[in-house]
Amino acid sequence: MKTMLKTVTLISGFIFVLVFLTANYTQAQDKKPWDIPAKYKAMKTTVKAGDKEALADGKMMWSKYCKSCHGSKGLGDGPKSAMLKTFPGDFSTAAFQKYSDGEIYYMSFVGRDEMPNFEKKVTSESDRWALVAYMRKMGK
């Protein structure tokens, strides 16, 4: 009985260490900075603050293209997030909300690594900016 208890304790400890190391490795990968061209950094949204129609459009875009990985509230907890190598991000954080409109635009539509390019799926500039506005709302 004691041998079995020691084995279970050892296996549990091993699993804990494995999960801890995996989480730290994933966090280290997430910190890789984006290389965003100056052109995008300087872009400004075309959506006026509080534009309810644009936010409704952004929410629709979010549900269609983003929710499966980023979750319904942008916390990075969508159903597909567990299959990703890197954490998809938490858009409610101050760190994310500090990005300029153009930086969010670039990350959302040009993408990199596991974040796919959406330029051909979301072709309307007004839809793109509506989605950026909706993502901004997640920080409030």
Protein backbone atom coordinates (compact mmCIF):
# COMPACT_ATOMS: atom_id res chain seq x y z
CA MET A 1 0.00 0.00 0.00
CA LYS A 2 2.83 2.43 0.88
CA THR A 3 4.59 1.59 -2.39
CA MET A 4 1.46 2.40 -4.33
CA LEU A 5 1.06 5.70 -2.46
CA LYS A 6 4.69 6.62 -3.21
CA THR A 7 4.19 5.77 -6.88
CA VAL A 8 1.05 7.91 -7.10
CA THR A 9 2.83 10.77 -5.32
CA LEU A 10 5.81 10.50 -7.64
CA ILE A 11 3.62 10.43 -10.76
CA SER A 12 1.57 13.39 -9.48
CA GLY A 13 4.75 15.35 -8.82
CA PHE A 14 6.07 14.54 -12.29
CA ILE A 15 2.82 15.68 -13.91
CA PHE A 16 2.88 18.91 -11.90
CA VAL A 17 6.45 19.68 -13.00
CA LEU A 18 5.60 18.86 -16.62
CA VAL A 19 2.56 21.17 -16.58
CA PHE A 20 4.59 23.93 -14.89
CA LEU A 21 7.41 23.70 -17.42
CA THR A 22 5.00 23.62 -20.36
CA ALA A 23 3.16 26.70 -19.08
CA ASN A 24 6.43 28.61 -18.61
CA TYR A 25 7.66 27.59 -22.06
CA THR A 26 4.40 28.76 -23.62
CA GLN A 27 4.56 32.08 -21.76
CA ALA A 28 8.13 32.61 -22.97
CA GLN A 29 6.99 32.05 -26.56
CA ASP A 30 4.09 34.47 -26.11
CA LYS A 31 6.47 37.30 -25.23
CA LYS A 32 8.03 37.29 -28.69
CA PRO A 33 7.46 40.86 -29.88
CA TRP A 34 5.53 41.63 -33.02
CA ASP A 35 7.49 43.26 -35.83
CA ILE A 36 4.87 45.76 -36.98
CA PRO A 37 5.74 48.11 -39.86
CA ALA A 38 5.58 51.87 -39.14
CA LYS A 39 2.83 52.22 -41.74
CA TYR A 40 0.49 50.16 -39.56
CA LYS A 41 1.59 51.71 -36.26
CA ALA A 42 0.51 55.11 -37.60
CA MET A 43 -2.95 53.97 -38.77
CA LYS A 44 -5.97 55.41 -36.96
CA THR A 45 -9.42 53.89 -36.66
CA THR A 46 -12.26 55.20 -38.78
CA VAL A 47 -14.83 54.19 -36.15
CA LYS A 48 -16.17 56.94 -33.90
CA ALA A 49 -16.17 56.19 -30.17
CA GLY A 50 -19.45 54.64 -29.08
CA ASP A 51 -20.65 53.85 -32.62
CA LYS A 52 -23.23 51.18 -31.74
CA GLU A 53 -23.64 49.99 -35.33
CA ALA A 54 -19.88 49.51 -35.75
CA LEU A 55 -19.65 47.66 -32.42
CA ALA A 56 -22.51 45.37 -33.49
CA ASP A 57 -20.67 44.69 -36.76
CA GLY A 58 -17.46 44.08 -34.82
CA LYS A 59 -19.21 41.62 -32.53
CA MET A 60 -20.55 39.74 -35.56
CA MET A 61 -17.04 39.59 -37.08
CA TRP A 62 -15.65 38.47 -33.73
CA SER A 63 -18.17 35.62 -33.48
CA LYS A 64 -17.42 34.49 -37.02
CA TYR A 65 -13.62 34.75 -37.13
CA CYS A 66 -12.12 35.18 -33.65
CA LYS A 67 -14.22 33.61 -30.92
CA SER A 68 -13.15 30.02 -31.60
CA CYS A 69 -9.56 30.75 -30.50
CA HIS A 70 -9.81 33.96 -28.46
CA GLY A 71 -13.05 33.18 -26.58
CA SER A 72 -16.26 35.15 -26.29
CA LYS A 73 -14.66 37.85 -24.11
CA GLY A 74 -11.19 37.88 -25.68
CA LEU A 75 -9.53 36.09 -22.77
CA GLY A 76 -7.77 33.53 -24.98
CA ASP A 77 -10.01 30.71 -23.82
CA GLY A 78 -11.86 29.73 -26.99
CA PRO A 79 -12.52 26.04 -27.74
CA LYS A 80 -9.63 25.87 -30.25
CA SER A 81 -7.12 27.57 -27.91
CA ALA A 82 -6.11 24.27 -26.31
CA MET A 83 -4.88 23.05 -29.70
CA LEU A 84 -2.56 26.03 -30.21
CA LYS A 85 1.15 26.05 -29.41
CA THR A 86 0.96 29.59 -28.08
CA PHE A 87 -1.55 31.38 -25.90
CA PRO A 88 -3.85 33.44 -28.16
CA GLY A 89 -3.75 36.46 -25.84
CA ASP A 90 -6.00 38.23 -23.40
CA PHE A 91 -7.41 41.37 -25.02
CA SER A 92 -8.81 42.70 -21.75
CA THR A 93 -5.33 43.42 -20.37
CA ALA A 94 -3.78 46.86 -20.16
CA ALA A 95 -0.78 45.54 -22.10
CA PHE A 96 -2.96 44.67 -25.08
CA GLN A 97 -5.03 47.83 -24.87
CA LYS A 98 -1.81 49.93 -25.02
CA TYR A 99 -1.31 48.89 -28.64
CA SER A 100 -2.23 51.53 -31.20
CA ASP A 101 -5.27 50.99 -33.41
CA GLY A 102 -2.95 50.23 -36.32
CA GLU A 103 -0.97 47.68 -34.33
CA ILE A 104 -4.16 45.83 -33.40
CA TYR A 105 -5.25 46.05 -37.03
CA TYR A 106 -1.94 44.53 -38.20
CA MET A 107 -1.97 41.72 -35.64
CA SER A 108 -5.60 40.91 -36.41
CA PHE A 109 -5.54 40.93 -40.19
CA VAL A 110 -1.95 40.35 -41.30
CA GLY A 111 -1.17 37.89 -38.49
CA ARG A 112 1.89 35.71 -37.91
CA ASP A 113 2.72 32.17 -36.85
CA GLU A 114 -0.52 30.53 -35.66
CA MET A 115 -2.49 33.76 -36.11
CA PRO A 116 -3.71 33.41 -39.69
CA ASN A 117 -3.93 36.18 -42.23
CA PHE A 118 -7.50 37.46 -42.53
CA GLU A 119 -7.00 40.06 -45.27
CA LYS A 120 -8.86 37.94 -47.82
CA LYS A 121 -11.61 36.89 -45.40
CA VAL A 122 -12.39 40.33 -44.00
CA THR A 123 -11.98 42.54 -47.05
CA SER A 124 -14.02 45.56 -45.98
CA GLU A 125 -12.02 48.29 -44.22
CA SER A 126 -15.10 49.32 -42.26
CA ASP A 127 -15.54 45.73 -41.01
CA ARG A 128 -11.88 45.57 -40.02
CA TRP A 129 -12.10 48.80 -38.04
CA ALA A 130 -15.38 47.68 -36.48
CA LEU A 131 -13.60 44.57 -35.23
CA VAL A 132 -10.74 46.67 -33.81
CA ALA A 133 -13.34 48.86 -32.03
CA TYR A 134 -15.00 45.74 -30.60
CA MET A 135 -11.63 44.47 -29.36
CA ARG A 136 -11.01 47.83 -27.70
CA LYS A 137 -14.28 47.43 -25.82
CA MET A 138 -12.93 44.23 -24.21
CA GLY A 139 -10.55 46.32 -22.12
CA LYS A 140 -13.38 48.23 -20.45
